[in-house]
mmCIF file of all heavy atoms, coordinates in Angstrom:
data_MODEL
# 
_entry.id   MODEL 
# 
loop_
_atom_site.group_PDB 
_atom_site.id 
_atom_site.type_symbol 
_atom_site.label_atom_id 
_atom_site.label_alt_id 
_atom_site.label_comp_id 
_atom_site.label_asym_id 
_atom_site.label_entity_id 
_atom_site.label_seq_id 
_atom_site.pdbx_PDB_ins_code 
_atom_site.Cartn_x 
_atom_site.Cartn_y 
_atom_site.Cartn_z 
_atom_site.occupancy 
_atom_site.B_iso_or_equiv 
_atom_site.pdbx_formal_charge 
_atom_site.auth_seq_id 
_atom_site.auth_comp_id 
_atom_site.auth_asym_id 
_atom_site.auth_atom_id 
_atom_site.pdbx_PDB_model_num 
ATOM 1   N N   . GLY A 1 1  ? 20.097 22.856 -12.375 1.00 0.00 ? 1  GLY A N   1 
ATOM 2   C CA  . GLY A 1 1  ? 19.477 23.941 -11.671 1.00 0.00 ? 1  GLY A CA  1 
ATOM 3   C C   . GLY A 1 1  ? 18.063 23.542 -11.151 1.00 0.00 ? 1  GLY A C   1 
ATOM 4   O O   . GLY A 1 1  ? 17.432 24.381 -10.321 1.00 0.00 ? 1  GLY A O   1 
ATOM 5   N N   . GLU A 1 2  ? 17.559 22.391 -11.470 1.00 0.00 ? 2  GLU A N   1 
ATOM 6   C CA  . GLU A 1 2  ? 16.183 21.968 -10.947 1.00 0.00 ? 2  GLU A CA  1 
ATOM 7   C C   . GLU A 1 2  ? 16.474 21.184 -9.660  1.00 0.00 ? 2  GLU A C   1 
ATOM 8   O O   . GLU A 1 2  ? 17.288 20.323 -9.623  1.00 0.00 ? 2  GLU A O   1 
ATOM 9   C CB  . GLU A 1 2  ? 15.585 21.041 -11.943 1.00 0.00 ? 2  GLU A CB  1 
ATOM 10  C CG  . GLU A 1 2  ? 14.895 21.759 -13.128 1.00 0.00 ? 2  GLU A CG  1 
ATOM 11  C CD  . GLU A 1 2  ? 13.532 22.186 -12.870 1.00 0.00 ? 2  GLU A CD  1 
ATOM 12  O OE1 . GLU A 1 2  ? 12.648 21.461 -12.537 1.00 0.00 ? 2  GLU A OE1 1 
ATOM 13  O OE2 . GLU A 1 2  ? 13.249 23.483 -12.983 1.00 0.00 ? 2  GLU A OE2 1 
ATOM 14  N N   . VAL A 1 3  ? 15.704 21.421 -8.602  1.00 0.00 ? 3  VAL A N   1 
ATOM 15  C CA  . VAL A 1 3  ? 15.800 20.707 -7.380  1.00 0.00 ? 3  VAL A CA  1 
ATOM 16  C C   . VAL A 1 3  ? 14.844 19.536 -7.300  1.00 0.00 ? 3  VAL A C   1 
ATOM 17  O O   . VAL A 1 3  ? 13.617 19.699 -7.576  1.00 0.00 ? 3  VAL A O   1 
ATOM 18  C CB  . VAL A 1 3  ? 15.725 21.564 -6.170  1.00 0.00 ? 3  VAL A CB  1 
ATOM 19  C CG1 . VAL A 1 3  ? 15.757 20.788 -4.944  1.00 0.00 ? 3  VAL A CG1 1 
ATOM 20  C CG2 . VAL A 1 3  ? 16.760 22.615 -6.116  1.00 0.00 ? 3  VAL A CG2 1 
ATOM 21  N N   . GLN A 1 4  ? 15.261 18.356 -7.076  1.00 0.00 ? 4  GLN A N   1 
ATOM 22  C CA  . GLN A 1 4  ? 14.426 17.181 -7.063  1.00 0.00 ? 4  GLN A CA  1 
ATOM 23  C C   . GLN A 1 4  ? 14.577 16.444 -5.753  1.00 0.00 ? 4  GLN A C   1 
ATOM 24  O O   . GLN A 1 4  ? 15.723 16.188 -5.349  1.00 0.00 ? 4  GLN A O   1 
ATOM 25  C CB  . GLN A 1 4  ? 14.673 16.197 -8.136  1.00 0.00 ? 4  GLN A CB  1 
ATOM 26  C CG  . GLN A 1 4  ? 14.088 16.528 -9.513  1.00 0.00 ? 4  GLN A CG  1 
ATOM 27  C CD  . GLN A 1 4  ? 14.494 15.527 -10.595 1.00 0.00 ? 4  GLN A CD  1 
ATOM 28  O OE1 . GLN A 1 4  ? 15.522 15.009 -10.612 1.00 0.00 ? 4  GLN A OE1 1 
ATOM 29  N NE2 . GLN A 1 4  ? 13.508 15.297 -11.522 1.00 0.00 ? 4  GLN A NE2 1 
ATOM 30  N N   . CYS A 1 5  ? 13.483 16.114 -5.072  1.00 0.00 ? 5  CYS A N   1 
ATOM 31  C CA  . CYS A 1 5  ? 13.605 15.316 -3.799  1.00 0.00 ? 5  CYS A CA  1 
ATOM 32  C C   . CYS A 1 5  ? 13.848 13.911 -4.169  1.00 0.00 ? 5  CYS A C   1 
ATOM 33  O O   . CYS A 1 5  ? 13.530 13.421 -5.174  1.00 0.00 ? 5  CYS A O   1 
ATOM 34  C CB  . CYS A 1 5  ? 12.319 15.372 -3.010  1.00 0.00 ? 5  CYS A CB  1 
ATOM 35  S SG  . CYS A 1 5  ? 11.937 17.093 -2.359  1.00 0.00 ? 5  CYS A SG  1 
ATOM 36  N N   . LEU A 1 6  ? 14.643 13.253 -3.170  1.00 0.00 ? 6  LEU A N   1 
ATOM 37  C CA  . LEU A 1 6  ? 15.061 11.909 -3.440  1.00 0.00 ? 6  LEU A CA  1 
ATOM 38  C C   . LEU A 1 6  ? 14.405 10.975 -2.349  1.00 0.00 ? 6  LEU A C   1 
ATOM 39  O O   . LEU A 1 6  ? 14.084 11.395 -1.248  1.00 0.00 ? 6  LEU A O   1 
ATOM 40  C CB  . LEU A 1 6  ? 16.609 11.701 -3.256  1.00 0.00 ? 6  LEU A CB  1 
ATOM 41  C CG  . LEU A 1 6  ? 17.422 12.438 -4.326  1.00 0.00 ? 6  LEU A CG  1 
ATOM 42  C CD1 . LEU A 1 6  ? 18.907 12.295 -3.855  1.00 0.00 ? 6  LEU A CD1 1 
ATOM 43  C CD2 . LEU A 1 6  ? 17.311 11.846 -5.693  1.00 0.00 ? 6  LEU A CD2 1 
ATOM 44  N N   . CYS A 1 7  ? 14.239 9.681  -2.853  1.00 0.00 ? 7  CYS A N   1 
ATOM 45  C CA  . CYS A 1 7  ? 13.794 8.592  -1.856  1.00 0.00 ? 7  CYS A CA  1 
ATOM 46  C C   . CYS A 1 7  ? 14.911 7.642  -1.670  1.00 0.00 ? 7  CYS A C   1 
ATOM 47  O O   . CYS A 1 7  ? 15.624 7.338  -2.775  1.00 0.00 ? 7  CYS A O   1 
ATOM 48  C CB  . CYS A 1 7  ? 12.573 7.909  -2.419  1.00 0.00 ? 7  CYS A CB  1 
ATOM 49  S SG  . CYS A 1 7  ? 11.077 8.885  -2.320  1.00 0.00 ? 7  CYS A SG  1 
ATOM 50  N N   . PRO A 1 8  ? 15.297 7.234  -0.436  1.00 0.00 ? 8  PRO A N   1 
ATOM 51  C CA  . PRO A 1 8  ? 16.511 6.434  -0.286  1.00 0.00 ? 8  PRO A CA  1 
ATOM 52  C C   . PRO A 1 8  ? 16.418 4.982  -0.750  1.00 0.00 ? 8  PRO A C   1 
ATOM 53  O O   . PRO A 1 8  ? 17.347 4.262  -0.636  1.00 0.00 ? 8  PRO A O   1 
ATOM 54  C CB  . PRO A 1 8  ? 16.645 6.534  1.244   1.00 0.00 ? 8  PRO A CB  1 
ATOM 55  C CG  . PRO A 1 8  ? 15.337 6.654  1.830   1.00 0.00 ? 8  PRO A CG  1 
ATOM 56  C CD  . PRO A 1 8  ? 14.609 7.510  0.847   1.00 0.00 ? 8  PRO A CD  1 
ATOM 57  N N   . SER A 1 9  ? 15.284 4.547  -1.314  1.00 0.00 ? 9  SER A N   1 
ATOM 58  C CA  . SER A 1 9  ? 15.144 3.161  -1.746  1.00 0.00 ? 9  SER A CA  1 
ATOM 59  C C   . SER A 1 9  ? 14.301 3.093  -2.927  1.00 0.00 ? 9  SER A C   1 
ATOM 60  O O   . SER A 1 9  ? 13.380 3.920  -3.176  1.00 0.00 ? 9  SER A O   1 
ATOM 61  C CB  . SER A 1 9  ? 14.552 2.326  -0.572  1.00 0.00 ? 9  SER A CB  1 
ATOM 62  O OG  . SER A 1 9  ? 13.928 1.238  -1.067  1.00 0.00 ? 9  SER A OG  1 
ATOM 63  N N   . GLY A 1 10 ? 14.607 2.092  -3.840  1.00 0.00 ? 10 GLY A N   1 
ATOM 64  C CA  . GLY A 1 10 ? 13.707 1.882  -4.981  1.00 0.00 ? 10 GLY A CA  1 
ATOM 65  C C   . GLY A 1 10 ? 12.331 1.523  -4.654  1.00 0.00 ? 10 GLY A C   1 
ATOM 66  O O   . GLY A 1 10 ? 11.531 1.551  -5.548  1.00 0.00 ? 10 GLY A O   1 
ATOM 67  N N   . GLY A 1 11 ? 12.094 1.000  -3.435  1.00 0.00 ? 11 GLY A N   1 
ATOM 68  C CA  . GLY A 1 11 ? 10.863 0.646  -3.037  1.00 0.00 ? 11 GLY A CA  1 
ATOM 69  C C   . GLY A 1 11 ? 10.000 1.776  -2.442  1.00 0.00 ? 11 GLY A C   1 
ATOM 70  O O   . GLY A 1 11 ? 8.890  1.506  -1.890  1.00 0.00 ? 11 GLY A O   1 
ATOM 71  N N   . LEU A 1 12 ? 10.505 2.974  -2.578  1.00 0.00 ? 12 LEU A N   1 
ATOM 72  C CA  . LEU A 1 12 ? 9.776  4.108  -2.111  1.00 0.00 ? 12 LEU A CA  1 
ATOM 73  C C   . LEU A 1 12 ? 9.584  5.092  -3.334  1.00 0.00 ? 12 LEU A C   1 
ATOM 74  O O   . LEU A 1 12 ? 10.430 5.085  -4.259  1.00 0.00 ? 12 LEU A O   1 
ATOM 75  C CB  . LEU A 1 12 ? 10.538 4.913  -1.039  1.00 0.00 ? 12 LEU A CB  1 
ATOM 76  C CG  . LEU A 1 12 ? 10.911 4.219  0.228   1.00 0.00 ? 12 LEU A CG  1 
ATOM 77  C CD1 . LEU A 1 12 ? 11.777 5.019  1.114   1.00 0.00 ? 12 LEU A CD1 1 
ATOM 78  C CD2 . LEU A 1 12 ? 9.604  3.866  0.989   1.00 0.00 ? 12 LEU A CD2 1 
ATOM 79  N N   . GLN A 1 13 ? 8.451  5.832  -3.299  1.00 0.00 ? 13 GLN A N   1 
ATOM 80  C CA  . GLN A 1 13 ? 8.312  6.787  -4.428  1.00 0.00 ? 13 GLN A CA  1 
ATOM 81  C C   . GLN A 1 13 ? 7.806  8.054  -3.848  1.00 0.00 ? 13 GLN A C   1 
ATOM 82  O O   . GLN A 1 13 ? 7.326  8.138  -2.723  1.00 0.00 ? 13 GLN A O   1 
ATOM 83  C CB  . GLN A 1 13 ? 7.268  6.302  -5.416  1.00 0.00 ? 13 GLN A CB  1 
ATOM 84  C CG  . GLN A 1 13 ? 5.877  6.160  -4.778  1.00 0.00 ? 13 GLN A CG  1 
ATOM 85  C CD  . GLN A 1 13 ? 4.864  5.480  -5.747  1.00 0.00 ? 13 GLN A CD  1 
ATOM 86  O OE1 . GLN A 1 13 ? 5.245  5.058  -6.795  1.00 0.00 ? 13 GLN A OE1 1 
ATOM 87  N NE2 . GLN A 1 13 ? 3.633  5.539  -5.436  1.00 0.00 ? 13 GLN A NE2 1 
ATOM 88  N N   . LEU A 1 14 ? 8.106  9.178  -4.553  1.00 0.00 ? 14 LEU A N   1 
ATOM 89  C CA  . LEU A 1 14 ? 7.738  10.494 -4.052  1.00 0.00 ? 14 LEU A CA  1 
ATOM 90  C C   . LEU A 1 14 ? 6.241  10.529 -4.009  1.00 0.00 ? 14 LEU A C   1 
ATOM 91  O O   . LEU A 1 14 ? 5.516  10.139 -4.885  1.00 0.00 ? 14 LEU A O   1 
ATOM 92  C CB  . LEU A 1 14 ? 8.310  11.594 -5.013  1.00 0.00 ? 14 LEU A CB  1 
ATOM 93  C CG  . LEU A 1 14 ? 9.749  12.107 -4.793  1.00 0.00 ? 14 LEU A CG  1 
ATOM 94  C CD1 . LEU A 1 14 ? 10.111 13.067 -5.827  1.00 0.00 ? 14 LEU A CD1 1 
ATOM 95  C CD2 . LEU A 1 14 ? 9.942  12.657 -3.307  1.00 0.00 ? 14 LEU A CD2 1 
ATOM 96  N N   . GLY A 1 15 ? 5.787  11.143 -2.897  1.00 0.00 ? 15 GLY A N   1 
ATOM 97  C CA  . GLY A 1 15 ? 4.339  11.345 -2.768  1.00 0.00 ? 15 GLY A CA  1 
ATOM 98  C C   . GLY A 1 15 ? 3.839  12.452 -3.551  1.00 0.00 ? 15 GLY A C   1 
ATOM 99  O O   . GLY A 1 15 ? 4.595  13.185 -4.286  1.00 0.00 ? 15 GLY A O   1 
ATOM 100 N N   . PRO A 1 16 ? 2.497  12.725 -3.601  1.00 0.00 ? 16 PRO A N   1 
ATOM 101 C CA  . PRO A 1 16 ? 1.840  13.773 -4.432  1.00 0.00 ? 16 PRO A CA  1 
ATOM 102 C C   . PRO A 1 16 ? 2.485  15.096 -4.138  1.00 0.00 ? 16 PRO A C   1 
ATOM 103 O O   . PRO A 1 16 ? 2.564  16.014 -5.052  1.00 0.00 ? 16 PRO A O   1 
ATOM 104 C CB  . PRO A 1 16 ? 0.481  13.788 -3.983  1.00 0.00 ? 16 PRO A CB  1 
ATOM 105 C CG  . PRO A 1 16 ? 0.221  12.421 -3.342  1.00 0.00 ? 16 PRO A CG  1 
ATOM 106 C CD  . PRO A 1 16 ? 1.496  11.982 -2.767  1.00 0.00 ? 16 PRO A CD  1 
ATOM 107 N N   . ASN A 1 17 ? 3.007  15.419 -2.942  1.00 0.00 ? 17 ASN A N   1 
ATOM 108 C CA  . ASN A 1 17 ? 3.553  16.734 -2.597  1.00 0.00 ? 17 ASN A CA  1 
ATOM 109 C C   . ASN A 1 17 ? 4.971  16.894 -3.156  1.00 0.00 ? 17 ASN A C   1 
ATOM 110 O O   . ASN A 1 17 ? 5.564  17.963 -3.103  1.00 0.00 ? 17 ASN A O   1 
ATOM 111 C CB  . ASN A 1 17 ? 3.544  17.057 -1.118  1.00 0.00 ? 17 ASN A CB  1 
ATOM 112 C CG  . ASN A 1 17 ? 4.361  16.018 -0.292  1.00 0.00 ? 17 ASN A CG  1 
ATOM 113 O OD1 . ASN A 1 17 ? 5.141  15.244 -0.952  1.00 0.00 ? 17 ASN A OD1 1 
ATOM 114 N ND2 . ASN A 1 17 ? 4.216  16.060 1.023   1.00 0.00 ? 17 ASN A ND2 1 
ATOM 115 N N   . GLY A 1 18 ? 5.596  15.795 -3.699  1.00 0.00 ? 18 GLY A N   1 
ATOM 116 C CA  . GLY A 1 18 ? 6.985  15.920 -4.277  1.00 0.00 ? 18 GLY A CA  1 
ATOM 117 C C   . GLY A 1 18 ? 7.997  16.017 -3.277  1.00 0.00 ? 18 GLY A C   1 
ATOM 118 O O   . GLY A 1 18 ? 9.226  16.234 -3.603  1.00 0.00 ? 18 GLY A O   1 
ATOM 119 N N   . ARG A 1 19 ? 7.744  15.916 -1.906  1.00 0.00 ? 19 ARG A N   1 
ATOM 120 C CA  . ARG A 1 19 ? 8.726  16.150 -0.871  1.00 0.00 ? 19 ARG A CA  1 
ATOM 121 C C   . ARG A 1 19 ? 8.893  14.839 0.081   1.00 0.00 ? 19 ARG A C   1 
ATOM 122 O O   . ARG A 1 19 ? 9.988  14.518 0.475   1.00 0.00 ? 19 ARG A O   1 
ATOM 123 C CB  . ARG A 1 19 ? 8.248  17.343 -0.039  1.00 0.00 ? 19 ARG A CB  1 
ATOM 124 C CG  . ARG A 1 19 ? 8.457  18.619 -0.704  1.00 0.00 ? 19 ARG A CG  1 
ATOM 125 C CD  . ARG A 1 19 ? 8.391  19.784 0.228   1.00 0.00 ? 19 ARG A CD  1 
ATOM 126 N NE  . ARG A 1 19 ? 7.446  19.706 1.254   1.00 0.00 ? 19 ARG A NE  1 
ATOM 127 C CZ  . ARG A 1 19 ? 6.217  20.230 1.196   1.00 0.00 ? 19 ARG A CZ  1 
ATOM 128 N NH1 . ARG A 1 19 ? 5.896  20.852 0.142   1.00 0.00 ? 19 ARG A NH1 1 
ATOM 129 N NH2 . ARG A 1 19 ? 5.401  20.139 2.242   1.00 0.00 ? 19 ARG A NH2 1 
ATOM 130 N N   . THR A 1 20 ? 7.752  14.173 0.265   1.00 0.00 ? 20 THR A N   1 
ATOM 131 C CA  . THR A 1 20 ? 7.797  13.023 1.190   1.00 0.00 ? 20 THR A CA  1 
ATOM 132 C C   . THR A 1 20 ? 7.791  11.718 0.368   1.00 0.00 ? 20 THR A C   1 
ATOM 133 O O   . THR A 1 20 ? 7.295  11.706 -0.747  1.00 0.00 ? 20 THR A O   1 
ATOM 134 C CB  . THR A 1 20 ? 6.601  13.011 2.195   1.00 0.00 ? 20 THR A CB  1 
ATOM 135 O OG1 . THR A 1 20 ? 5.442  13.117 1.370   1.00 0.00 ? 20 THR A OG1 1 
ATOM 136 C CG2 . THR A 1 20 ? 6.746  14.106 3.172   1.00 0.00 ? 20 THR A CG2 1 
ATOM 137 N N   . CYS A 1 21 ? 8.273  10.596 0.922   1.00 0.00 ? 21 CYS A N   1 
ATOM 138 C CA  . CYS A 1 21 ? 8.336  9.387  0.255   1.00 0.00 ? 21 CYS A CA  1 
ATOM 139 C C   . CYS A 1 21 ? 7.253  8.413  0.749   1.00 0.00 ? 21 CYS A C   1 
ATOM 140 O O   . CYS A 1 21 ? 7.096  8.310  2.048   1.00 0.00 ? 21 CYS A O   1 
ATOM 141 C CB  . CYS A 1 21 ? 9.687  8.685  0.397   1.00 0.00 ? 21 CYS A CB  1 
ATOM 142 S SG  . CYS A 1 21 ? 10.981 9.675  -0.374  1.00 0.00 ? 21 CYS A SG  1 
ATOM 143 N N   . ILE A 1 22 ? 6.593  7.725  -0.150  1.00 0.00 ? 22 ILE A N   1 
ATOM 144 C CA  . ILE A 1 22 ? 5.610  6.770  0.258   1.00 0.00 ? 22 ILE A CA  1 
ATOM 145 C C   . ILE A 1 22 ? 5.985  5.359  -0.254  1.00 0.00 ? 22 ILE A C   1 
ATOM 146 O O   . ILE A 1 22 ? 6.793  5.232  -1.223  1.00 0.00 ? 22 ILE A O   1 
ATOM 147 C CB  . ILE A 1 22 ? 4.207  7.148  -0.321  1.00 0.00 ? 22 ILE A CB  1 
ATOM 148 C CG1 . ILE A 1 22 ? 4.135  7.385  -1.763  1.00 0.00 ? 22 ILE A CG1 1 
ATOM 149 C CG2 . ILE A 1 22 ? 3.615  8.278  0.518   1.00 0.00 ? 22 ILE A CG2 1 
ATOM 150 C CD1 . ILE A 1 22 ? 2.801  7.582  -2.341  1.00 0.00 ? 22 ILE A CD1 1 
ATOM 151 N N   . ASP A 1 23 ? 5.676  4.316  0.507   1.00 0.00 ? 23 ASP A N   1 
ATOM 152 C CA  . ASP A 1 23 ? 5.976  2.972  0.220   1.00 0.00 ? 23 ASP A CA  1 
ATOM 153 C C   . ASP A 1 23 ? 5.344  2.471  -1.073  1.00 0.00 ? 23 ASP A C   1 
ATOM 154 O O   . ASP A 1 23 ? 4.180  2.774  -1.365  1.00 0.00 ? 23 ASP A O   1 
ATOM 155 C CB  . ASP A 1 23 ? 5.609  2.073  1.353   1.00 0.00 ? 23 ASP A CB  1 
ATOM 156 C CG  . ASP A 1 23 ? 5.924  0.650  1.106   1.00 0.00 ? 23 ASP A CG  1 
ATOM 157 O OD1 . ASP A 1 23 ? 7.148  0.369  0.732   1.00 0.00 ? 23 ASP A OD1 1 
ATOM 158 O OD2 . ASP A 1 23 ? 5.037  -0.271 1.217   1.00 0.00 ? 23 ASP A OD2 1 
ATOM 159 N N   . ILE A 1 24 ? 6.021  1.760  -1.869  1.00 0.00 ? 24 ILE A N   1 
ATOM 160 C CA  . ILE A 1 24 ? 5.477  0.998  -2.975  1.00 0.00 ? 24 ILE A CA  1 
ATOM 161 C C   . ILE A 1 24 ? 5.281  -0.427 -2.578  1.00 0.00 ? 24 ILE A C   1 
ATOM 162 O O   . ILE A 1 24 ? 6.206  -1.047 -2.097  1.00 0.00 ? 24 ILE A O   1 
ATOM 163 C CB  . ILE A 1 24 ? 6.497  1.040  -4.203  1.00 0.00 ? 24 ILE A CB  1 
ATOM 164 C CG1 . ILE A 1 24 ? 6.733  2.430  -4.770  1.00 0.00 ? 24 ILE A CG1 1 
ATOM 165 C CG2 . ILE A 1 24 ? 5.945  0.172  -5.370  1.00 0.00 ? 24 ILE A CG2 1 
ATOM 166 C CD1 . ILE A 1 24 ? 7.919  2.524  -5.758  1.00 0.00 ? 24 ILE A CD1 1 
ATOM 167 N N   . ASP A 1 25 ? 4.058  -0.896 -2.720  1.00 0.00 ? 25 ASP A N   1 
ATOM 168 C CA  . ASP A 1 25 ? 3.767  -2.299 -2.310  1.00 0.00 ? 25 ASP A CA  1 
ATOM 169 C C   . ASP A 1 25 ? 4.132  -3.162 -3.475  1.00 0.00 ? 25 ASP A C   1 
ATOM 170 O O   . ASP A 1 25 ? 3.350  -3.408 -4.374  1.00 0.00 ? 25 ASP A O   1 
ATOM 171 C CB  . ASP A 1 25 ? 2.249  -2.382 -1.952  1.00 0.00 ? 25 ASP A CB  1 
ATOM 172 C CG  . ASP A 1 25 ? 1.972  -3.830 -1.385  1.00 0.00 ? 25 ASP A CG  1 
ATOM 173 O OD1 . ASP A 1 25 ? 2.725  -4.717 -1.588  1.00 0.00 ? 25 ASP A OD1 1 
ATOM 174 O OD2 . ASP A 1 25 ? 0.896  -3.967 -0.749  1.00 0.00 ? 25 ASP A OD2 1 
ATOM 175 N N   . GLU A 1 26 ? 5.290  -3.661 -3.550  1.00 0.00 ? 26 GLU A N   1 
ATOM 176 C CA  . GLU A 1 26 ? 5.828  -4.557 -4.576  1.00 0.00 ? 26 GLU A CA  1 
ATOM 177 C C   . GLU A 1 26 ? 4.926  -5.811 -4.744  1.00 0.00 ? 26 GLU A C   1 
ATOM 178 O O   . GLU A 1 26 ? 4.888  -6.333 -5.805  1.00 0.00 ? 26 GLU A O   1 
ATOM 179 C CB  . GLU A 1 26 ? 7.234  -4.879 -4.447  1.00 0.00 ? 26 GLU A CB  1 
ATOM 180 C CG  . GLU A 1 26 ? 8.235  -3.855 -4.436  1.00 0.00 ? 26 GLU A CG  1 
ATOM 181 C CD  . GLU A 1 26 ? 8.518  -3.094 -3.128  1.00 0.00 ? 26 GLU A CD  1 
ATOM 182 O OE1 . GLU A 1 26 ? 7.825  -3.369 -2.214  1.00 0.00 ? 26 GLU A OE1 1 
ATOM 183 O OE2 . GLU A 1 26 ? 9.506  -2.380 -3.106  1.00 0.00 ? 26 GLU A OE2 1 
# 
């Protein structure tokens, strides 16, 4: 019942707003 936003790659993470994805600098 909880809605979670997804990022299409393991190299991206959810931004502070929980909706957009930001890059992880590996």
